[in-house]
């Protein structure tokens, strides 16, 4: 199993709009492409409270490439992304890491 850690650093004041996009649109489109989530979080205490952190799970790198590329090319996603950013960009930058569990991890 591969876990993908994604941290979206929202533009100042734009985290609420980013959360609404995920809640109302993105999750459904991810599910349509068979992309599985392990969880979503906002930062309570930390470097910035303008972050959305989430994890996705993959069986292999090949699965990730196929499903993620299909998601990014989905006309519905492209339209939603454009529409939700008509008042300005939502995300300043994205941190992304692909992780594999250690032999002693409670998560496999």
N, C-alpha and C. Protein backbone atom coordinates (compact mmCIF):
# COMPACT_ATOMS: atom_id res chain seq x y z
N UNK A 1 0.84 -1.18 0.00
CA UNK A 1 0.00 0.00 0.00
C UNK A 1 0.89 1.24 0.00
N UNK A 2 0.48 2.23 -0.77
CA UNK A 2 1.18 3.52 -0.83
C UNK A 2 0.21 4.58 -0.32
N UNK A 3 0.71 5.47 0.51
CA UNK A 3 -0.08 6.58 1.02
C UNK A 3 0.46 7.87 0.43
N UNK A 4 -0.44 8.70 -0.05
CA UNK A 4 -0.04 9.98 -0.61
C UNK A 4 -0.48 11.08 0.34
N UNK A 5 0.49 11.82 0.85
CA UNK A 5 0.24 12.94 1.74
C UNK A 5 0.25 14.21 0.90
N UNK A 6 -0.88 14.93 0.91
CA UNK A 6 -1.00 16.16 0.13
C UNK A 6 -1.37 17.30 1.09
N UNK A 7 -0.62 18.38 1.02
CA UNK A 7 -0.90 19.56 1.84
C UNK A 7 -1.11 20.74 0.90
N UNK A 8 -2.32 21.29 0.95
CA UNK A 8 -2.68 22.45 0.14
C UNK A 8 -2.54 23.69 1.00
N UNK A 9 -1.68 24.59 0.61
CA UNK A 9 -1.47 25.85 1.30
C UNK A 9 -2.38 26.87 0.60
N UNK A 10 -3.48 27.22 1.26
CA UNK A 10 -4.47 28.09 0.65
C UNK A 10 -3.96 29.53 0.56
N UNK A 11 -4.47 30.24 -0.44
CA UNK A 11 -4.22 31.67 -0.52
C UNK A 11 -4.83 32.31 0.73
N UNK A 12 -4.29 33.42 1.19
CA UNK A 12 -4.83 34.06 2.39
C UNK A 12 -6.36 34.28 2.28
N UNK A 13 -7.07 33.78 3.28
CA UNK A 13 -8.51 33.95 3.34
C UNK A 13 -9.32 33.02 2.44
N UNK A 14 -8.66 32.12 1.69
CA UNK A 14 -9.37 31.30 0.71
C UNK A 14 -9.60 29.86 1.18
N UNK A 15 -9.16 29.50 2.40
CA UNK A 15 -9.36 28.13 2.88
C UNK A 15 -10.85 27.75 2.91
N UNK A 16 -11.76 28.60 3.38
CA UNK A 16 -13.18 28.20 3.38
C UNK A 16 -13.68 27.83 1.98
N UNK A 17 -13.29 28.56 0.97
CA UNK A 17 -13.71 28.25 -0.41
C UNK A 17 -13.09 26.94 -0.88
N UNK A 18 -11.84 26.68 -0.50
CA UNK A 18 -11.19 25.42 -0.87
C UNK A 18 -11.89 24.24 -0.21
N UNK A 19 -12.24 24.38 1.07
CA UNK A 19 -12.95 23.31 1.78
C UNK A 19 -14.31 23.04 1.13
N UNK A 20 -15.01 24.09 0.75
CA UNK A 20 -16.30 23.91 0.08
C UNK A 20 -16.15 23.19 -1.25
N UNK A 21 -15.09 23.51 -2.00
CA UNK A 21 -14.87 22.83 -3.28
C UNK A 21 -14.66 21.33 -3.05
N UNK A 22 -13.85 20.99 -2.06
CA UNK A 22 -13.65 19.56 -1.76
C UNK A 22 -14.95 18.91 -1.33
N UNK A 23 -15.65 19.55 -0.40
CA UNK A 23 -16.87 18.97 0.16
C UNK A 23 -17.97 18.82 -0.90
N UNK A 24 -18.14 19.81 -1.74
CA UNK A 24 -19.27 19.83 -2.68
C UNK A 24 -18.97 19.21 -4.03
N UNK A 25 -17.70 19.08 -4.40
CA UNK A 25 -17.38 18.64 -5.76
C UNK A 25 -16.23 17.62 -5.84
N UNK A 26 -15.08 18.00 -5.29
CA UNK A 26 -13.86 17.23 -5.50
C UNK A 26 -13.98 15.79 -5.02
N UNK A 27 -14.53 15.59 -3.82
CA UNK A 27 -14.64 14.23 -3.30
C UNK A 27 -15.44 13.32 -4.23
N UNK A 28 -16.54 13.82 -4.75
CA UNK A 28 -17.38 13.03 -5.65
C UNK A 28 -16.61 12.66 -6.93
N UNK A 29 -15.85 13.61 -7.46
CA UNK A 29 -15.10 13.34 -8.69
C UNK A 29 -13.95 12.37 -8.41
N UNK A 30 -13.29 12.53 -7.26
CA UNK A 30 -12.24 11.57 -6.89
C UNK A 30 -12.83 10.16 -6.82
N UNK A 31 -13.97 10.02 -6.14
CA UNK A 31 -14.61 8.71 -6.01
C UNK A 31 -15.00 8.13 -7.35
N UNK A 32 -15.45 8.98 -8.26
CA UNK A 32 -15.82 8.54 -9.61
C UNK A 32 -14.64 7.84 -10.29
N UNK A 33 -13.43 8.28 -9.97
CA UNK A 33 -12.22 7.71 -10.58
C UNK A 33 -11.58 6.64 -9.72
N UNK A 34 -12.28 6.22 -8.65
CA UNK A 34 -11.76 5.15 -7.81
C UNK A 34 -10.63 5.57 -6.91
N UNK A 35 -10.52 6.86 -6.65
CA UNK A 35 -9.45 7.37 -5.77
C UNK A 35 -9.96 7.34 -4.34
N UNK A 36 -9.22 6.64 -3.49
CA UNK A 36 -9.63 6.40 -2.11
C UNK A 36 -8.92 7.36 -1.16
N UNK A 37 -9.68 7.95 -0.27
CA UNK A 37 -9.10 8.84 0.72
C UNK A 37 -8.90 8.11 2.05
N UNK A 38 -7.84 8.52 2.77
CA UNK A 38 -7.60 8.00 4.12
C UNK A 38 -8.02 9.01 5.17
N UNK A 39 -8.23 10.27 4.76
CA UNK A 39 -8.67 11.29 5.69
C UNK A 39 -8.31 12.69 5.23
N UNK A 40 -9.01 13.67 5.81
CA UNK A 40 -8.80 15.09 5.53
C UNK A 40 -8.70 15.83 6.86
N UNK A 41 -7.80 16.81 6.92
CA UNK A 41 -7.58 17.57 8.14
C UNK A 41 -7.31 19.03 7.83
N UNK A 42 -7.69 19.90 8.78
CA UNK A 42 -7.21 21.27 8.78
C UNK A 42 -6.31 21.39 10.00
N UNK A 43 -5.49 22.43 10.03
CA UNK A 43 -4.51 22.60 11.09
C UNK A 43 -5.09 23.37 12.26
N UNK A 44 -5.12 22.75 13.42
CA UNK A 44 -5.58 23.40 14.65
C UNK A 44 -4.45 24.22 15.27
N UNK A 45 -3.30 23.58 15.43
CA UNK A 45 -2.11 24.25 15.95
C UNK A 45 -0.95 23.82 15.06
N UNK A 46 -0.20 24.78 14.57
CA UNK A 46 0.92 24.46 13.71
C UNK A 46 1.42 25.69 12.98
N UNK A 47 2.16 25.44 11.93
CA UNK A 47 2.79 26.51 11.19
C UNK A 47 1.78 27.46 10.55
N UNK A 48 0.66 26.90 10.04
CA UNK A 48 -0.34 27.74 9.38
C UNK A 48 -1.73 27.12 9.54
N UNK A 49 -2.71 27.96 9.79
CA UNK A 49 -4.08 27.48 9.84
C UNK A 49 -4.79 27.67 8.51
N UNK A 50 -4.02 27.90 7.46
CA UNK A 50 -4.55 28.07 6.11
C UNK A 50 -4.17 26.88 5.23
N UNK A 51 -4.19 25.68 5.84
CA UNK A 51 -3.79 24.46 5.14
C UNK A 51 -4.90 23.43 5.17
N UNK A 52 -5.00 22.69 4.08
CA UNK A 52 -5.82 21.49 4.02
C UNK A 52 -4.85 20.34 3.80
N UNK A 53 -4.86 19.37 4.71
CA UNK A 53 -3.99 18.20 4.61
C UNK A 53 -4.87 16.99 4.39
N UNK A 54 -4.48 16.14 3.43
CA UNK A 54 -5.23 14.91 3.24
C UNK A 54 -4.33 13.80 2.75
N UNK A 55 -4.84 12.57 2.89
CA UNK A 55 -4.10 11.40 2.44
C UNK A 55 -4.98 10.57 1.52
N UNK A 56 -4.34 10.05 0.48
CA UNK A 56 -4.97 9.12 -0.44
C UNK A 56 -4.26 7.79 -0.32
N UNK A 57 -4.95 6.70 -0.67
CA UNK A 57 -4.32 5.38 -0.62
C UNK A 57 -4.30 4.79 -2.02
N UNK A 58 -3.21 4.12 -2.32
CA UNK A 58 -3.00 3.50 -3.63
C UNK A 58 -2.46 2.09 -3.44
N UNK A 59 -2.83 1.20 -4.35
CA UNK A 59 -2.28 -0.16 -4.34
C UNK A 59 -0.91 -0.20 -5.00
N UNK A 60 -0.67 0.73 -5.94
CA UNK A 60 0.61 0.74 -6.67
C UNK A 60 0.83 2.11 -7.30
N UNK A 61 2.04 2.38 -7.73
CA UNK A 61 2.34 3.61 -8.44
C UNK A 61 1.61 3.65 -9.79
N UNK A 62 1.48 2.49 -10.43
CA UNK A 62 0.76 2.44 -11.71
C UNK A 62 -0.70 2.83 -11.53
N UNK A 63 -1.33 2.34 -10.45
CA UNK A 63 -2.71 2.72 -10.18
C UNK A 63 -2.81 4.22 -9.95
N UNK A 64 -1.89 4.76 -9.17
CA UNK A 64 -1.91 6.20 -8.91
C UNK A 64 -1.82 7.00 -10.19
N UNK A 65 -0.87 6.64 -11.03
CA UNK A 65 -0.67 7.39 -12.27
C UNK A 65 -1.93 7.34 -13.15
N UNK A 66 -2.49 6.17 -13.30
CA UNK A 66 -3.66 6.01 -14.16
C UNK A 66 -4.86 6.79 -13.61
N UNK A 67 -5.16 6.61 -12.34
CA UNK A 67 -6.36 7.24 -11.76
C UNK A 67 -6.19 8.75 -11.58
N UNK A 68 -5.02 9.18 -11.15
CA UNK A 68 -4.79 10.62 -10.95
C UNK A 68 -4.83 11.36 -12.28
N UNK A 69 -4.22 10.79 -13.32
CA UNK A 69 -4.26 11.42 -14.64
C UNK A 69 -5.68 11.50 -15.17
N UNK A 70 -6.48 10.46 -14.95
CA UNK A 70 -7.88 10.48 -15.38
C UNK A 70 -8.65 11.56 -14.64
N UNK A 71 -8.40 11.71 -13.35
CA UNK A 71 -9.05 12.77 -12.56
C UNK A 71 -8.69 14.14 -13.11
N UNK A 72 -7.40 14.39 -13.32
CA UNK A 72 -6.96 15.71 -13.79
C UNK A 72 -7.51 16.05 -15.17
N UNK A 73 -7.75 15.04 -16.00
CA UNK A 73 -8.26 15.27 -17.35
C UNK A 73 -9.79 15.28 -17.42
N UNK A 74 -10.45 14.98 -16.31
CA UNK A 74 -11.92 14.90 -16.30
C UNK A 74 -12.52 16.28 -16.61
N UNK A 75 -13.36 16.37 -17.63
CA UNK A 75 -13.95 17.66 -17.99
C UNK A 75 -14.76 18.29 -16.85
N UNK A 76 -15.41 17.46 -16.04
CA UNK A 76 -16.17 17.99 -14.90
C UNK A 76 -15.22 18.65 -13.90
N UNK A 77 -14.08 18.01 -13.60
CA UNK A 77 -13.10 18.58 -12.68
C UNK A 77 -12.55 19.89 -13.23
N UNK A 78 -12.23 19.91 -14.50
CA UNK A 78 -11.67 21.12 -15.13
C UNK A 78 -12.68 22.27 -15.02
N UNK A 79 -13.96 21.99 -15.28
CA UNK A 79 -15.00 23.02 -15.19
C UNK A 79 -15.18 23.50 -13.75
N UNK A 80 -15.22 22.58 -12.79
CA UNK A 80 -15.39 22.95 -11.37
C UNK A 80 -14.20 23.77 -10.90
N UNK A 81 -13.01 23.34 -11.27
CA UNK A 81 -11.80 24.05 -10.86
C UNK A 81 -11.82 25.49 -11.39
N UNK A 82 -12.20 25.64 -12.65
CA UNK A 82 -12.27 26.97 -13.25
C UNK A 82 -13.35 27.82 -12.58
N UNK A 83 -14.52 27.24 -12.38
CA UNK A 83 -15.64 27.96 -11.78
C UNK A 83 -15.33 28.41 -10.35
N UNK A 84 -14.72 27.53 -9.55
CA UNK A 84 -14.47 27.86 -8.15
C UNK A 84 -13.30 28.83 -7.98
N UNK A 85 -12.56 29.09 -9.04
CA UNK A 85 -11.46 30.04 -8.96
C UNK A 85 -11.75 31.32 -9.73
N UNK A 86 -13.02 31.54 -10.09
CA UNK A 86 -13.37 32.75 -10.85
C UNK A 86 -13.11 34.02 -10.05
N UNK A 87 -13.15 33.92 -8.70
CA UNK A 87 -12.88 35.07 -7.84
C UNK A 87 -11.44 35.10 -7.35
N UNK A 88 -10.61 34.23 -7.90
CA UNK A 88 -9.21 34.19 -7.52
C UNK A 88 -8.75 32.79 -7.18
N UNK A 89 -7.47 32.61 -7.28
CA UNK A 89 -6.81 31.34 -7.01
C UNK A 89 -7.08 30.91 -5.58
N UNK A 90 -7.34 29.60 -5.37
CA UNK A 90 -7.59 29.07 -4.03
C UNK A 90 -6.32 28.56 -3.36
N UNK A 91 -5.40 28.00 -4.14
CA UNK A 91 -4.23 27.32 -3.58
C UNK A 91 -2.96 28.05 -3.99
N UNK A 92 -2.16 28.36 -2.98
CA UNK A 92 -0.87 29.01 -3.20
C UNK A 92 0.17 28.01 -3.69
N UNK A 93 0.25 26.86 -3.00
CA UNK A 93 1.12 25.78 -3.43
C UNK A 93 0.69 24.48 -2.78
N UNK A 94 1.21 23.38 -3.32
CA UNK A 94 0.85 22.04 -2.86
C UNK A 94 2.13 21.29 -2.51
N UNK A 95 2.15 20.71 -1.31
CA UNK A 95 3.22 19.79 -0.93
C UNK A 95 2.68 18.38 -1.13
N UNK A 96 3.51 17.50 -1.66
CA UNK A 96 3.05 16.16 -2.00
C UNK A 96 4.16 15.16 -1.70
N UNK A 97 3.82 14.11 -0.95
CA UNK A 97 4.78 13.04 -0.65
C UNK A 97 4.10 11.70 -0.81
N UNK A 98 4.81 10.73 -1.34
CA UNK A 98 4.33 9.35 -1.45
C UNK A 98 5.06 8.53 -0.40
N UNK A 99 4.28 7.87 0.47
CA UNK A 99 4.83 7.19 1.64
C UNK A 99 4.51 5.70 1.60
N UNK A 100 5.42 4.90 2.12
CA UNK A 100 5.16 3.47 2.30
C UNK A 100 5.34 3.15 3.78
N UNK A 101 4.46 2.30 4.34
CA UNK A 101 4.55 1.96 5.75
C UNK A 101 5.83 1.18 6.07
N UNK A 102 6.35 1.39 7.26
CA UNK A 102 7.47 0.60 7.74
C UNK A 102 6.95 -0.77 8.18
N UNK A 103 7.86 -1.70 8.42
CA UNK A 103 7.48 -3.04 8.87
C UNK A 103 6.77 -3.00 10.21
N UNK A 104 7.04 -1.98 11.02
CA UNK A 104 6.46 -1.92 12.36
C UNK A 104 5.28 -0.94 12.48
N UNK A 105 4.82 -0.43 11.33
CA UNK A 105 3.70 0.50 11.33
C UNK A 105 2.38 -0.19 11.64
N UNK A 106 1.50 0.49 12.39
CA UNK A 106 0.15 -0.05 12.64
C UNK A 106 -0.70 0.06 11.38
N UNK A 107 -0.30 0.92 10.46
CA UNK A 107 -0.97 1.07 9.17
C UNK A 107 -0.16 0.31 8.14
N UNK A 108 -0.79 -0.55 7.40
CA UNK A 108 -0.07 -1.35 6.40
C UNK A 108 -0.44 -0.94 5.00
